[in-house]
Amino acid sequence: MAIIDLSGRWWLFFAFWRVEVVDFPLSMSTKLGAKYLGVCEASLRAWRADGTGPDYYRAGPKLVRYRRADLDAWIEARLNAPTPKQQKVVAETAVASVKGSEEAAV
């Protein structure tokens, strides 16, 4: 690829730009699974410990693996999932509306 006179600033940007194409396997380690999800390994480990992360299996006593299909399903389940703060607001609104309707009935 040739870059022709894009000014020094853009040249440096392109000179240090690194595109990495990775063909992810069907079964991934924690490190590769974290890379697939775009998070750090510590986050994936914490989610696994909390039981909130994607499904995994143990291929040995210390060997944790993630299936690509499970990671994709976990991502899909969270595309439009409300945050805990949003869930709290919805719950409080529902409780307030129930109390309001009970008071109106009396």
PDB file of N, CA and C in Angstrom:
ATOM      1  N   MET A   1       0.849  -1.180   0.000  1.00  0.00           N
ATOM      2  CA  MET A   1       0.000   0.000   0.000  1.00  0.00           C
ATOM      3  C   MET A   1       0.886   1.230   0.000  1.00  0.00           C
ATOM      4  N   ALA A   2       0.634   2.131  -0.860  1.00  0.00           N
ATOM      5  CA  ALA A   2       1.414   3.355  -0.952  1.00  0.00           C
ATOM      6  C   ALA A   2       0.604   4.518  -0.416  1.00  0.00           C
ATOM      7  N   ILE A   3       1.259   5.322   0.394  1.00  0.00           N
ATOM      8  CA  ILE A   3       0.623   6.527   0.921  1.00  0.00           C
ATOM      9  C   ILE A   3       1.351   7.702   0.282  1.00  0.00           C
ATOM     10  N   ILE A   4       0.640   8.519  -0.428  1.00  0.00           N
ATOM     11  CA  ILE A   4       1.264   9.606  -1.173  1.00  0.00           C
ATOM     12  C   ILE A   4       0.906  10.937  -0.528  1.00  0.00           C
ATOM     13  N   ASP A   5       1.912  11.614  -0.011  1.00  0.00           N
ATOM     14  CA  ASP A   5       1.817  12.978   0.503  1.00  0.00           C
ATOM     15  C   ASP A   5       0.551  13.249   1.329  1.00  0.00           C
ATOM     16  N   LEU A   6       0.424  12.577   2.436  1.00  0.00           N
ATOM     17  CA  LEU A   6      -0.729  12.790   3.312  1.00  0.00           C
ATOM     18  C   LEU A   6      -0.386  13.658   4.509  1.00  0.00           C
ATOM     19  N   SER A   7       0.729  14.329   4.482  1.00  0.00           N
ATOM     20  CA  SER A   7       1.279  15.175   5.548  1.00  0.00           C
ATOM     21  C   SER A   7       1.898  14.290   6.621  1.00  0.00           C
ATOM     22  N   GLY A   8       2.812  14.847   7.345  1.00  0.00           N
ATOM     23  CA  GLY A   8       3.545  14.091   8.354  1.00  0.00           C
ATOM     24  C   GLY A   8       2.649  13.495   9.416  1.00  0.00           C
ATOM     25  N   ARG A   9       1.642  14.229   9.814  1.00  0.00           N
ATOM     26  CA  ARG A   9       0.760  13.752  10.876  1.00  0.00           C
ATOM     27  C   ARG A   9       0.027  12.486  10.451  1.00  0.00           C
ATOM     28  N   TRP A  10      -0.554  12.501   9.281  1.00  0.00           N
ATOM     29  CA  TRP A  10      -1.281  11.333   8.813  1.00  0.00           C
ATOM     30  C   TRP A  10      -0.347  10.181   8.504  1.00  0.00           C
ATOM     31  N   TRP A  11       0.835  10.493   8.051  1.00  0.00           N
ATOM     32  CA  TRP A  11       1.800   9.448   7.750  1.00  0.00           C
ATOM     33  C   TRP A  11       2.153   8.692   9.023  1.00  0.00           C
ATOM     34  N   LEU A  12       2.378   9.413  10.115  1.00  0.00           N
ATOM     35  CA  LEU A  12       2.681   8.755  11.383  1.00  0.00           C
ATOM     36  C   LEU A  12       1.504   7.906  11.845  1.00  0.00           C
ATOM     37  N   PHE A  13       0.312   8.419  11.660  1.00  0.00           N
ATOM     38  CA  PHE A  13      -0.880   7.672  12.049  1.00  0.00           C
ATOM     39  C   PHE A  13      -0.941   6.347  11.301  1.00  0.00           C
ATOM     40  N   PHE A  14      -0.720   6.401  10.009  1.00  0.00           N
ATOM     41  CA  PHE A  14      -0.752   5.176   9.230  1.00  0.00           C
ATOM     42  C   PHE A  14       0.468   4.306   9.479  1.00  0.00           C
ATOM     43  N   ALA A  15       1.589   4.935   9.786  1.00  0.00           N
ATOM     44  CA  ALA A  15       2.806   4.165  10.016  1.00  0.00           C
ATOM     45  C   ALA A  15       2.681   3.305  11.267  1.00  0.00           C
ATOM     46  N   PHE A  16       1.945   3.766  12.267  1.00  0.00           N
ATOM     47  CA  PHE A  16       1.819   3.012  13.508  1.00  0.00           C
ATOM     48  C   PHE A  16       0.494   2.265  13.620  1.00  0.00           C
ATOM     49  N   TRP A  17      -0.352   2.403  12.630  1.00  0.00           N
ATOM     50  CA  TRP A  17      -1.632   1.705  12.641  1.00  0.00           C
ATOM     51  C   TRP A  17      -1.385   0.230  12.383  1.00  0.00           C
ATOM     52  N   ARG A  18      -1.933  -0.593  13.227  1.00  0.00           N
ATOM     53  CA  ARG A  18      -1.720  -2.030  13.081  1.00  0.00           C
ATOM     54  C   ARG A  18      -3.065  -2.722  12.962  1.00  0.00           C
ATOM     55  N   VAL A  19      -3.288  -3.381  11.883  1.00  0.00           N
ATOM     56  CA  VAL A  19      -4.518  -4.128  11.685  1.00  0.00           C
ATOM     57  C   VAL A  19      -4.202  -5.590  11.927  1.00  0.00           C
ATOM     58  N   GLU A  20      -4.948  -6.183  12.824  1.00  0.00           N
ATOM     59  CA  GLU A  20      -4.704  -7.575  13.158  1.00  0.00           C
ATOM     60  C   GLU A  20      -5.925  -8.391  12.767  1.00  0.00           C
ATOM     61  N   VAL A  21      -5.729  -9.319  11.899  1.00  0.00           N
ATOM     62  CA  VAL A  21      -6.811 -10.203  11.475  1.00  0.00           C
ATOM     63  C   VAL A  21      -6.609 -11.530  12.182  1.00  0.00           C
ATOM     64  N   VAL A  22      -7.592 -11.905  12.985  1.00  0.00           N
ATOM     65  CA  VAL A  22      -7.496 -13.138  13.758  1.00  0.00           C
ATOM     66  C   VAL A  22      -8.657 -14.042  13.369  1.00  0.00           C
ATOM     67  N   ASP A  23      -8.344 -15.257  13.051  1.00  0.00           N
ATOM     68  CA  ASP A  23      -9.370 -16.253  12.786  1.00  0.00           C
ATOM     69  C   ASP A  23      -9.591 -17.006  14.088  1.00  0.00           C
ATOM     70  N   PHE A  24     -10.669 -16.686  14.784  1.00  0.00           N
ATOM     71  CA  PHE A  24     -10.903 -17.276  16.094  1.00  0.00           C
ATOM     72  C   PHE A  24     -11.345 -18.726  15.959  1.00  0.00           C
ATOM     73  N   PRO A  25     -10.746 -19.614  16.741  1.00  0.00           N
ATOM     74  CA  PRO A  25     -11.129 -21.030  16.687  1.00  0.00           C
ATOM     75  C   PRO A  25     -12.481 -21.275  17.357  1.00  0.00           C
ATOM     76  N   LEU A  26     -12.990 -22.477  17.244  1.00  0.00           N
ATOM     77  CA  LEU A  26     -14.279 -22.814  17.854  1.00  0.00           C
ATOM     78  C   LEU A  26     -14.182 -22.898  19.368  1.00  0.00           C
ATOM     79  N   SER A  27     -13.024 -23.240  19.900  1.00  0.00           N
ATOM     80  CA  SER A  27     -12.797 -23.335  21.334  1.00  0.00           C
ATOM     81  C   SER A  27     -11.632 -22.422  21.697  1.00  0.00           C
ATOM     82  N   MET A  28     -11.838 -21.557  22.700  1.00  0.00           N
ATOM     83  CA  MET A  28     -10.831 -20.546  23.026  1.00  0.00           C
ATOM     84  C   MET A  28     -10.438 -20.577  24.490  1.00  0.00           C
ATOM     85  N   SER A  29      -9.200 -20.187  24.753  1.00  0.00           N
ATOM     86  CA  SER A  29      -8.718 -20.019  26.113  1.00  0.00           C
ATOM     87  C   SER A  29      -9.312 -18.735  26.688  1.00  0.00           C
ATOM     88  N   THR A  30      -9.063 -18.487  27.968  1.00  0.00           N
ATOM     89  CA  THR A  30      -9.547 -17.256  28.589  1.00  0.00           C
ATOM     90  C   THR A  30      -8.943 -16.043  27.896  1.00  0.00           C
ATOM     91  N   LYS A  31      -7.660 -16.135  27.583  1.00  0.00           N
ATOM     92  CA  LYS A  31      -6.981 -15.015  26.932  1.00  0.00           C
ATOM     93  C   LYS A  31      -7.594 -14.708  25.570  1.00  0.00           C
ATOM     94  N   LEU A  32      -7.800 -15.721  24.769  1.00  0.00           N
ATOM     95  CA  LEU A  32      -8.363 -15.518  23.434  1.00  0.00           C
ATOM     96  C   LEU A  32      -9.848 -15.162  23.509  1.00  0.00           C
ATOM     97  N   GLY A  33     -10.561 -15.746  24.476  1.00  0.00           N
ATOM     98  CA  GLY A  33     -11.970 -15.400  24.667  1.00  0.00           C
ATOM     99  C   GLY A  33     -12.142 -13.939  25.046  1.00  0.00           C
ATOM    100  N   ALA A  34     -11.243 -13.451  25.907  1.00  0.00           N
ATOM    101  CA  ALA A  34     -11.287 -12.044  26.293  1.00  0.00           C
ATOM    102  C   ALA A  34     -11.002 -11.147  25.099  1.00  0.00           C
ATOM    103  N   LYS A  35     -10.061 -11.562  24.273  1.00  0.00           N
ATOM    104  CA  LYS A  35      -9.747 -10.798  23.068  1.00  0.00           C
ATOM    105  C   LYS A  35     -10.945 -10.797  22.115  1.00  0.00           C
ATOM    106  N   TYR A  36     -11.620 -11.901  22.003  1.00  0.00           N
ATOM    107  CA  TYR A  36     -12.794 -12.023  21.148  1.00  0.00           C
ATOM    108  C   TYR A  36     -13.899 -11.074  21.611  1.00  0.00           C
ATOM    109  N   LEU A  37     -14.082 -10.970  22.936  1.00  0.00           N
ATOM    110  CA  LEU A  37     -15.115 -10.103  23.495  1.00  0.00           C
ATOM    111  C   LEU A  37     -14.678  -8.640  23.576  1.00  0.00           C
ATOM    112  N   GLY A  38     -13.371  -8.403  23.487  1.00  0.00           N
ATOM    113  CA  GLY A  38     -12.871  -7.036  23.589  1.00  0.00           C
ATOM    114  C   GLY A  38     -12.757  -6.550  25.012  1.00  0.00           C
ATOM    115  N   VAL A  39     -12.531  -7.469  25.943  1.00  0.00           N
ATOM    116  CA  VAL A  39     -12.363  -7.118  27.350  1.00  0.00           C
ATOM    117  C   VAL A  39     -11.041  -7.699  27.844  1.00  0.00           C
ATOM    118  N   CYS A  40     -10.654  -7.334  29.062  1.00  0.00           N
ATOM    119  CA  CYS A  40      -9.429  -7.897  29.610  1.00  0.00           C
ATOM    120  C   CYS A  40      -9.715  -9.273  30.228  1.00  0.00           C
ATOM    121  N   GLU A  41      -8.662 -10.045  30.402  1.00  0.00           N
ATOM    122  CA  GLU A  41      -8.814 -11.392  30.962  1.00  0.00           C
ATOM    123  C   GLU A  41      -9.398 -11.349  32.365  1.00  0.00           C
ATOM    124  N   ALA A  42      -9.017 -10.342  33.137  1.00  0.00           N
ATOM    125  CA  ALA A  42      -9.503 -10.225  34.513  1.00  0.00           C
ATOM    126  C   ALA A  42     -11.022 -10.084  34.554  1.00  0.00           C
ATOM    127  N   SER A  43     -11.583  -9.350  33.597  1.00  0.00           N
ATOM    128  CA  SER A  43     -13.043  -9.195  33.544  1.00  0.00           C
ATOM    129  C   SER A  43     -13.704 -10.535  33.268  1.00  0.00           C
ATOM    130  N   LEU A  44     -13.158 -11.282  32.334  1.00  0.00           N
ATOM    131  CA  LEU A  44     -13.731 -12.582  31.997  1.00  0.00           C
ATOM    132  C   LEU A  44     -13.638 -13.536  33.182  1.00  0.00           C
ATOM    133  N   ARG A  45     -12.520 -13.500  33.900  1.00  0.00           N
ATOM    134  CA  ARG A  45     -12.370 -14.346  35.093  1.00  0.00           C
ATOM    135  C   ARG A  45     -13.361 -13.941  36.188  1.00  0.00           C
ATOM    136  N   ALA A  46     -13.524 -12.630  36.373  1.00  0.00           N
ATOM    137  CA  ALA A  46     -14.458 -12.140  37.398  1.00  0.00           C
ATOM    138  C   ALA A  46     -15.888 -12.534  37.052  1.00  0.00           C
ATOM    139  N   TRP A  47     -16.263 -12.414  35.792  1.00  0.00           N
ATOM    140  CA  TRP A  47     -17.606 -12.803  35.376  1.00  0.00           C
ATOM    141  C   TRP A  47     -17.816 -14.292  35.569  1.00  0.00           C
ATOM    142  N   ARG A  48     -16.776 -15.080  35.311  1.00  0.00           N
ATOM    143  CA  ARG A  48     -16.879 -16.532  35.493  1.00  0.00           C
ATOM    144  C   ARG A  48     -17.075 -16.848  36.976  1.00  0.00           C
ATOM    145  N   ALA A  49     -16.339 -16.158  37.846  1.00  0.00           N
ATOM    146  CA  ALA A  49     -16.458 -16.381  39.293  1.00  0.00           C
ATOM    147  C   ALA A  49     -17.833 -15.953  39.805  1.00  0.00           C
ATOM    148  N   ASP A  50     -18.376 -14.862  39.254  1.00  0.00           N
ATOM    149  CA  ASP A  50     -19.696 -14.361  39.667  1.00  0.00           C
ATOM    150  C   ASP A  50     -20.838 -15.166  39.068  1.00  0.00           C
ATOM    151  N   GLY A  51     -20.546 -15.893  38.002  1.00  0.00           N
ATOM    152  CA  GLY A  51     -21.601 -16.624  37.308  1.00  0.00           C
ATOM    153  C   GLY A  51     -22.374 -15.750  36.341  1.00  0.00           C
ATOM    154  N   THR A  52     -21.827 -14.573  36.001  1.00  0.00           N
ATOM    155  CA  THR A  52     -22.518 -13.661  35.091  1.00  0.00           C
ATOM    156  C   THR A  52     -21.926 -13.670  33.690  1.00  0.00           C
ATOM    157  N   GLY A  53     -20.846 -14.376  33.498  1.00  0.00           N
ATOM    158  CA  GLY A  53     -20.170 -14.386  32.208  1.00  0.00           C
ATOM    159  C   GLY A  53     -20.716 -15.437  31.271  1.00  0.00           C
ATOM    160  N   PRO A  54     -20.067 -15.571  30.124  1.00  0.00           N
ATOM    161  CA  PRO A  54     -20.505 -16.575  29.148  1.00  0.00           C
ATOM    162  C   PRO A  54     -20.251 -17.988  29.655  1.00  0.00           C
ATOM    163  N   ASP A  55     -20.961 -18.953  29.076  1.00  0.00           N
ATOM    164  CA  ASP A  55     -20.765 -20.355  29.439  1.00  0.00           C
ATOM    165  C   ASP A  55     -19.355 -20.792  29.088  1.00  0.00           C
ATOM    166  N   TYR A  56     -18.820 -21.695  29.885  1.00  0.00           N
ATOM    167  CA  TYR A  56     -17.478 -22.209  29.663  1.00  0.00           C
ATOM    168  C   TYR A  56     -17.449 -23.675  30.054  1.00  0.00           C
ATOM    169  N   TYR A  57     -16.364 -24.336  29.742  1.00  0.00           N
ATOM    170  CA  TYR A  57     -16.178 -25.710  30.205  1.00  0.00           C
ATOM    171  C   TYR A  57     -14.728 -25.889  30.619  1.00  0.00           C
ATOM    172  N   ARG A  58     -14.519 -26.872  31.461  1.00  0.00           N
ATOM    173  CA  ARG A  58     -13.168 -27.170  31.924  1.00  0.00           C
ATOM    174  C   ARG A  58     -12.657 -28.382  31.164  1.00  0.00           C
ATOM    175  N   ALA A  59     -11.553 -28.175  30.462  1.00  0.00           N
ATOM    176  CA  ALA A  59     -10.931 -29.257  29.718  1.00  0.00           C
ATOM    177  C   ALA A  59      -9.881 -29.958  30.575  1.00  0.00           C
ATOM    178  N   GLY A  60      -9.697 -29.497  31.769  1.00  0.00           N
ATOM    179  CA  GLY A  60      -8.748 -30.062  32.719  1.00  0.00           C
ATOM    180  C   GLY A  60      -8.906 -29.333  34.036  1.00  0.00           C
ATOM    181  N   PRO A  61      -8.147 -29.704  35.059  1.00  0.00           N
ATOM    182  CA  PRO A  61      -8.304 -29.061  36.368  1.00  0.00           C
ATOM    183  C   PRO A  61      -8.122 -27.542  36.330  1.00  0.00           C
ATOM    184  N   LYS A  62      -7.211 -27.065  35.511  1.00  0.00           N
ATOM    185  CA  LYS A  62      -6.955 -25.625  35.435  1.00  0.00           C
ATOM    186  C   LYS A  62      -7.133 -25.074  34.027  1.00  0.00           C
ATOM    187  N   LEU A  63      -7.739 -25.846  33.161  1.00  0.00           N
ATOM    188  CA  LEU A  63      -7.855 -25.462  31.758  1.00  0.00           C
ATOM    189  C   LEU A  63      -9.301 -25.095  31.433  1.00  0.00           C
ATOM    190  N   VAL A  64      -9.570 -23.797  31.354  1.00  0.00           N
ATOM    191  CA  VAL A  64     -10.905 -23.287  31.060  1.00  0.00           C
ATOM    192  C   VAL A  64     -10.982 -22.935  29.578  1.00  0.00           C
ATOM    193  N   ARG A  65     -12.077 -23.333  28.944  1.00  0.00           N
ATOM    194  CA  ARG A  65     -12.273 -23.057  27.526  1.00  0.00           C
ATOM    195  C   ARG A  65     -13.665 -22.460  27.305  1.00  0.00           C
ATOM    196  N   TYR A  66     -13.743 -21.609  26.291  1.00  0.00           N
ATOM    197  CA  TYR A  66     -14.999 -20.981  25.883  1.00  0.00           C
ATOM    198  C   TYR A  66     -15.281 -21.373  24.446  1.00  0.00           C
ATOM    199  N   ARG A  67     -16.522 -21.779  24.185  1.00  0.00           N
ATOM    200  CA  ARG A  67     -16.910 -22.059  22.801  1.00  0.00           C
ATOM    201  C   ARG A  67     -17.314 -20.744  22.149  1.00  0.00           C
ATOM    202  N   ARG A  68     -16.943 -20.583  20.900  1.00  0.00           N
ATOM    203  CA  ARG A  68     -17.270 -19.351  20.181  1.00  0.00           C
ATOM    204  C   ARG A  68     -18.781 -19.144  20.117  1.00  0.00           C
ATOM    205  N   ALA A  69     -19.549 -20.208  19.959  1.00  0.00           N
ATOM    206  CA  ALA A  69     -21.010 -20.095  19.915  1.00  0.00           C
ATOM    207  C   ALA A  69     -21.561 -19.562  21.242  1.00  0.00           C
ATOM    208  N   ASP A  70     -20.958 -19.991  22.366  1.00  0.00           N
ATOM    209  CA  ASP A  70     -21.404 -19.496  23.676  1.00  0.00           C
ATOM    210  C   ASP A  70     -21.071 -18.018  23.852  1.00  0.00           C
ATOM    211  N   LEU A  71     -19.912 -17.603  23.370  1.00  0.00           N
ATOM    212  CA  LEU A  71     -19.549 -16.188  23.448  1.00  0.00           C
ATOM    213  C   LEU A  71     -20.484 -15.341  22.590  1.00  0.00           C
ATOM    214  N   ASP A  72     -20.805 -15.834  21.403  1.00  0.00           N
ATOM    215  CA  ASP A  72     -21.736 -15.110  20.530  1.00  0.00           C
ATOM    216  C   ASP A  72     -23.121 -15.019  21.152  1.00  0.00           C
ATOM    217  N   ALA A  73     -23.583 -16.112  21.759  1.00  0.00           N
ATOM    218  CA  ALA A  73     -24.900 -16.111  22.414  1.00  0.00           C
ATOM    219  C   ALA A  73     -24.918 -15.150  23.588  1.00  0.00           C
ATOM    220  N   TRP A  74     -23.826 -15.099  24.331  1.00  0.00           N
ATOM    221  CA  TRP A  74     -23.731 -14.195  25.482  1.00  0.00           C
ATOM    222  C   TRP A  74     -23.779 -12.741  25.019  1.00  0.00           C
ATOM    223  N   ILE A  75     -23.109 -12.438  23.917  1.00  0.00           N
ATOM    224  CA  ILE A  75     -23.137 -11.084  23.355  1.00  0.00           C
ATOM    225  C   ILE A  75     -24.554 -10.747  22.906  1.00  0.00           C
ATOM    226  N   GLU A  76     -25.195 -11.646  22.180  1.00  0.00           N
ATOM    227  CA  GLU A  76     -26.551 -11.407  21.676  1.00  0.00           C
ATOM    228  C   GLU A  76     -27.537 -11.151  22.810  1.00  0.00           C
ATOM    229  N   ALA A  77     -27.375 -11.882  23.919  1.00  0.00           N
ATOM    230  CA  ALA A  77     -28.291 -11.722  25.051  1.00  0.00           C
ATOM    231  C   ALA A  77     -28.146 -10.354  25.707  1.00  0.00           C
ATOM    232  N   ARG A  78     -27.027  -9.698  25.490  1.00  0.00           N
ATOM    233  CA  ARG A  78     -26.774  -8.419  26.138  1.00  0.00           C
ATOM    234  C   ARG A  78     -26.833  -7.221  25.205  1.00  0.00           C
ATOM    235  N   LEU A  79     -27.258  -7.420  23.983  1.00  0.00           N
ATOM    236  CA  LEU A  79     -27.281  -6.304  23.033  1.00  0.00           C
ATOM    237  C   LEU A  79     -28.152  -5.157  23.517  1.00  0.00           C
ATOM    238  N   ASN A  80     -29.341  -5.449  23.962  1.00  0.00           N
ATOM    239  CA  ASN A  80     -30.249  -4.405  24.436  1.00  0.00           C
ATOM    240  C   ASN A  80     -30.699  -4.655  25.862  1.00  0.00           C
ATOM    241  N   ALA A  81     -29.900  -5.367  26.621  1.00  0.00           N
ATOM    242  CA  ALA A  81     -30.250  -5.657  28.006  1.00  0.00           C
ATOM    243  C   ALA A  81     -30.113  -4.388  28.844  1.00  0.00           C
ATOM    244  N   PRO A  82     -31.086  -4.134  29.723  1.00  0.00           N
ATOM    245  CA  PRO A  82     -30.988  -2.946  30.570  1.00  0.00           C
ATOM    246  C   PRO A  82     -29.871  -3.095  31.600  1.00  0.00           C
ATOM    247  N   THR A  83     -29.276  -1.977  31.959  1.00  0.00           N
ATOM    248  CA  THR A  83     -28.238  -1.967  32.982  1.00  0.00           C
ATOM    249  C   THR A  83     -28.891  -2.150  34.345  1.00  0.00           C
ATOM    250  N   PRO A  84     -28.124  -2.514  35.381  1.00  0.00           N
ATOM    251  CA  PRO A  84     -28.711  -2.642  36.725  1.00  0.00           C
ATOM    252  C   PRO A  84     -29.402  -1.355  37.183  1.00  0.00           C
ATOM    253  N   LYS A  85     -28.842  -0.203  36.834  1.00  0.00           N
ATOM    254  CA  LYS A  85     -29.458   1.067  37.225  1.00  0.00           C
ATOM    255  C   LYS A  85     -30.812   1.225  36.537  1.00  0.00           C
ATOM    256  N   GLN A  86     -30.887   0.869  35.263  1.00  0.00           N
ATOM    257  CA  GLN A  86     -32.157   0.958  34.541  1.00  0.00           C
ATOM    258  C   GLN A  86     -33.174  -0.021  35.111  1.00  0.00           C
ATOM    259  N   GLN A  87     -32.735  -1.217  35.491  1.00  0.00           N
ATOM    260  CA  GLN A  87     -33.633  -2.200  36.095  1.00  0.00           C
ATOM    261  C   GLN A  87     -34.199  -1.673  37.405  1.00  0.00           C
ATOM    262  N   LYS A  88     -33.366  -0.983  38.191  1.00  0.00           N
ATOM    263  CA  LYS A  88     -33.809  -0.430  39.473  1.00  0.00           C
ATOM    264  C   LYS A  88     -34.871   0.642  39.252  1.00  0.00           C
ATOM    265  N   VAL A  89     -34.655   1.503  38.274  1.00  0.00           N
ATOM    266  CA  VAL A  89     -35.625   2.565  37.975  1.00  0.00           C
ATOM    267  C   VAL A  89     -36.951   1.960  37.527  1.00  0.00           C
ATOM    268  N   VAL A  90     -36.918   0.943  36.695  1.00  0.00           N
ATOM    269  CA  VAL A  90     -38.143   0.282  36.232  1.00  0.00           C
ATOM    270  C   VAL A  90     -38.878  -0.351  37.400  1.00  0.00           C
ATOM    271  N   ALA A  91     -38.132  -1.002  38.308  1.00  0.00           N
ATOM    272  CA  ALA A  91     -38.752  -1.644  39.470  1.00  0.00           C
ATOM    273  C   ALA A  91     -39.392  -0.600  40.380  1.00  0.00           C
ATOM    274  N   GLU A  92     -38.698   0.504  40.616  1.00  0.00           N
ATOM    275  CA  GLU A  92     -39.245   1.565  41.476  1.00  0.00           C
ATOM    276  C   GLU A  92     -40.486   2.187  40.846  1.00  0.00           C
ATOM    277  N   THR A  93     -40.483   2.354  39.557  1.00  0.00           N
ATOM    278  CA  THR A  93     -41.645   2.908  38.853  1.00  0.00           C
ATOM    279  C   THR A  93     -42.835   1.963  38.954  1.00  0.00           C
ATOM    280  N   ALA A  94     -42.582   0.664  38.820  1.00  0.00           N
ATOM    281  CA  ALA A  94     -43.661  -0.319  38.918  1.00  0.00           C
ATOM    282  C   ALA A  94     -44.258  -0.331  40.322  1.00  0.00           C
ATOM    283  N   VAL A  95     -43.394  -0.266  41.345  1.00  0.00           N
ATOM    284  CA  VAL A  95     -43.886  -0.256  42.735  1.00  0.00           C
ATOM    285  C   VAL A  95     -44.705   1.005  42.984  1.00  0.00           C
ATOM    286  N   ALA A  96     -44.240   2.151  42.495  1.00  0.00           N
ATOM    287  CA  ALA A  96     -44.957   3.407  42.683  1.00  0.00           C
ATOM    288  C   ALA A  96     -46.326   3.375  41.988  1.00  0.00           C
ATOM    289  N   SER A  97     -46.390   2.785  40.809  1.00  0.00           N
ATOM    290  CA  SER A  97     -47.669   2.738  40.099  1.00  0.00           C
ATOM    291  C   SER A  97     -48.653   1.804  40.791  1.00  0.00           C
ATOM    292  N   VAL A  98     -48.140   0.706  41.369  1.00  0.00           N
ATOM    293  CA  VAL A  98     -49.006  -0.222  42.114  1.00  0.00           C
ATOM    294  C   VAL A  98     -49.546   0.474  43.362  1.00  0.00           C
ATOM    295  N   LYS A  99     -48.688   1.194  44.082  1.00  0.00           N
ATOM    296  CA  LYS A  99     -49.149   1.922  45.280  1.00  0.00           C
ATOM    297  C   LYS A  99     -50.157   2.993  44.908  1.00  0.00           C
ATOM    298  N   GLY A 100     -49.930   3.660  43.801  1.00  0.00           N
ATOM    299  CA  GLY A 100     -50.859   4.709  43.339  1.00  0.00           C
ATOM    300  C   GLY A 100     -52.211   4.140  42.987  1.00  0.00           C
ATOM    301  N   SER A 101     -52.228   2.975  42.337  1.00  0.00           N
ATOM    302  CA  SER A 101     -53.508   2.362  41.956  1.00  0.00           C
ATOM    303  C   SER A 101     -54.244   1.817  43.184  1.00  0.00           C
ATOM    304  N   GLU A 102     -53.493   1.357  44.200  1.00  0.00           N
ATOM    305  CA  GLU A 102     -54.130   0.876  45.427  1.00  0.00           C
ATOM    306  C   GLU A 102     -54.773   2.028  46.183  1.00  0.00           C
ATOM    307  N   GLU A 103     -54.078   3.185  46.215  1.00  0.00           N
ATOM    308  CA  GLU A 103     -54.627   4.352  46.900  1.00  0.00           C
ATOM    309  C   GLU A 103     -55.849   4.890  46.168  1.00  0.00           C
ATOM    310  N   ALA A 104     -55.871   4.818  44.868  1.00  0.00           N
ATOM    311  CA  ALA A 104     -57.001   5.302  44.084  1.00  0.00           C
ATOM    312  C   ALA A 104     -58.206   4.393  44.258  1.00  0.00           C
ATOM    313  N   ALA A 105     -57.972   3.096  44.486  1.00  0.00           N
ATOM    314  CA  ALA A 105     -59.063   2.151  44.663  1.00  0.00           C
ATOM    315  C   ALA A 105     -59.741   2.323  46.017  1.00  0.00           C
ATOM    316  N   VAL A 106     -59.016   2.849  46.991  1.00  0.00           N
ATOM    317  CA  VAL A 106     -59.569   3.000  48.336  1.00  0.00           C
ATOM    318  C   VAL A 106     -60.405   4.206  48.466  1.00  0.00           C
TER     319      VAL A 106
END
